[in-house]
Protein backbone atom coordinates (compact mmCIF):
# COMPACT_ATOMS: atom_id res chain seq x y z
CA MET A 1 114.80 -14.49 -124.61
CA THR A 2 111.82 -13.42 -122.72
CA LYS A 3 112.16 -12.26 -119.22
CA PRO A 4 109.89 -14.10 -116.74
CA SER A 5 107.09 -11.89 -115.54
CA GLU A 6 107.22 -10.61 -111.98
CA PRO A 7 104.46 -11.94 -109.74
CA THR A 8 101.84 -9.44 -108.79
CA THR A 9 101.09 -8.42 -105.23
CA ALA A 10 97.95 -10.54 -105.28
CA GLU A 11 99.92 -13.60 -106.39
CA TRP A 12 102.51 -13.06 -103.62
CA ARG A 13 99.76 -12.69 -101.05
CA ALA A 14 98.10 -15.86 -102.27
CA HIS A 15 101.44 -17.67 -102.07
CA VAL A 16 102.12 -16.38 -98.53
CA VAL A 17 98.62 -17.31 -97.39
CA GLU A 18 99.13 -20.79 -98.86
CA GLN A 19 102.39 -21.18 -96.95
CA PHE A 20 100.82 -19.95 -93.71
CA ASP A 21 97.93 -22.38 -94.16
CA ALA A 22 100.39 -25.27 -94.65
CA ILE A 23 102.38 -24.24 -91.57
CA HIS A 24 99.17 -23.83 -89.56
CA GLU A 25 98.02 -27.32 -90.56
CA SER A 26 101.41 -28.83 -89.63
CA LEU A 27 101.37 -27.12 -86.24
CA ARG A 28 97.79 -28.27 -85.61
CA ALA A 29 98.76 -31.88 -86.38
CA LEU A 30 101.81 -31.64 -84.09
CA HIS A 31 99.65 -30.19 -81.32
CA GLN A 32 97.17 -33.06 -81.63
CA ARG A 33 99.97 -35.64 -81.43
CA GLN A 34 101.56 -33.90 -78.46
CA THR A 35 98.21 -33.76 -76.67
CA LEU A 36 97.67 -37.48 -77.30
CA ILE A 37 101.15 -38.34 -75.97
CA LEU A 38 100.60 -36.25 -72.84
CA GLU A 39 97.23 -37.89 -72.22
CA LEU A 40 98.83 -41.34 -72.50
CA LEU A 41 101.66 -40.42 -70.13
CA THR A 42 99.56 -38.61 -67.53
CA PRO A 43 97.91 -40.86 -64.96
CA GLU A 44 94.20 -40.47 -64.44
CA GLU A 45 92.86 -38.89 -61.28
CA ARG A 46 91.80 -41.58 -58.86
CA GLU A 47 90.11 -41.63 -55.53
CA GLY A 48 92.12 -42.63 -52.50
CA PRO A 49 95.65 -41.94 -51.36
CA SER A 50 98.41 -40.98 -53.76
CA LEU A 51 101.50 -43.08 -54.34
CA ASP A 52 103.53 -40.70 -52.17
CA ASP A 53 101.04 -41.11 -49.30
CA LEU A 54 101.22 -44.91 -49.58
CA LEU A 55 105.02 -44.91 -49.62
CA ALA A 56 105.17 -42.59 -46.60
CA ARG A 57 102.84 -44.92 -44.71
CA ILE A 58 104.97 -47.96 -45.59
CA VAL A 59 108.11 -46.19 -44.36
CA THR A 60 106.31 -45.31 -41.11
CA LEU A 61 105.13 -48.89 -40.63
CA ILE A 62 108.63 -50.26 -41.19
CA ALA A 63 110.08 -47.73 -38.74
CA ASP A 64 107.46 -48.75 -36.17
CA GLN A 65 108.61 -52.37 -36.49
CA ARG A 66 112.26 -51.57 -35.75
CA PRO A 67 112.15 -52.69 -32.07
CA VAL A 68 110.50 -55.98 -33.03
CA LEU A 69 113.04 -56.58 -35.78
CA ARG A 70 115.89 -55.84 -33.36
CA ARG A 71 114.46 -58.34 -30.84
CA ILE A 72 114.18 -60.97 -33.57
CA ASP A 73 117.76 -60.22 -34.59
CA HIS A 74 118.86 -60.54 -30.94
CA THR A 75 117.02 -63.82 -30.47
CA THR A 76 118.57 -65.24 -33.62
CA GLY A 77 122.02 -64.01 -32.58
CA ALA A 78 121.65 -65.40 -29.05
CA SER A 79 120.52 -68.76 -30.44
CA LEU A 80 123.56 -68.86 -32.71
CA ASP A 81 125.80 -67.91 -29.77
CA LEU A 82 124.43 -70.85 -27.76
CA LEU A 83 124.75 -73.25 -30.68
CA GLU A 84 128.35 -72.20 -31.24
CA GLY A 85 129.26 -72.43 -27.54
CA ARG A 86 129.64 -68.71 -26.87
CA THR A 87 128.10 -66.65 -24.08
CA PRO A 88 124.77 -65.32 -25.36
CA ARG A 89 124.63 -61.63 -26.08
CA SER A 90 122.81 -59.27 -23.70
CA HIS A 91 119.04 -58.70 -23.99
CA PRO A 92 117.68 -55.75 -25.99
CA ASP A 93 115.99 -52.95 -24.08
CA SER A 94 112.41 -51.77 -24.69
CA THR A 95 113.49 -49.83 -27.79
CA GLY A 96 115.23 -52.87 -29.22
CA GLU A 97 118.77 -51.67 -28.44
CA GLU A 98 121.11 -54.29 -27.03
CA GLY A 99 122.84 -53.84 -23.71
CA ALA A 100 119.98 -53.92 -21.20
CA GLU A 101 120.16 -56.57 -18.54
CA GLU A 102 117.13 -58.53 -17.33
């Protein structure tokens, strides 16, 4: 039986370089895919307010309407009190809280 010949240093280097090239190509392809995924998931820069700014403004607007909503709630409640034969509830104050008298 003949013993297989040992690879030379040049052959090993060629093999290692080949492997590194294959790994480099795989990593490059993964990087391109990852970049594409990130581009698809990242929103584009737009002019105007951000979503956080819009939501903060909506919350502020709703909070500003609280007295009006309380008065509407009082009016509805007082109307139901009258329809059901009860004494109507007291009038809301300027902040919309109930308990103020006219």
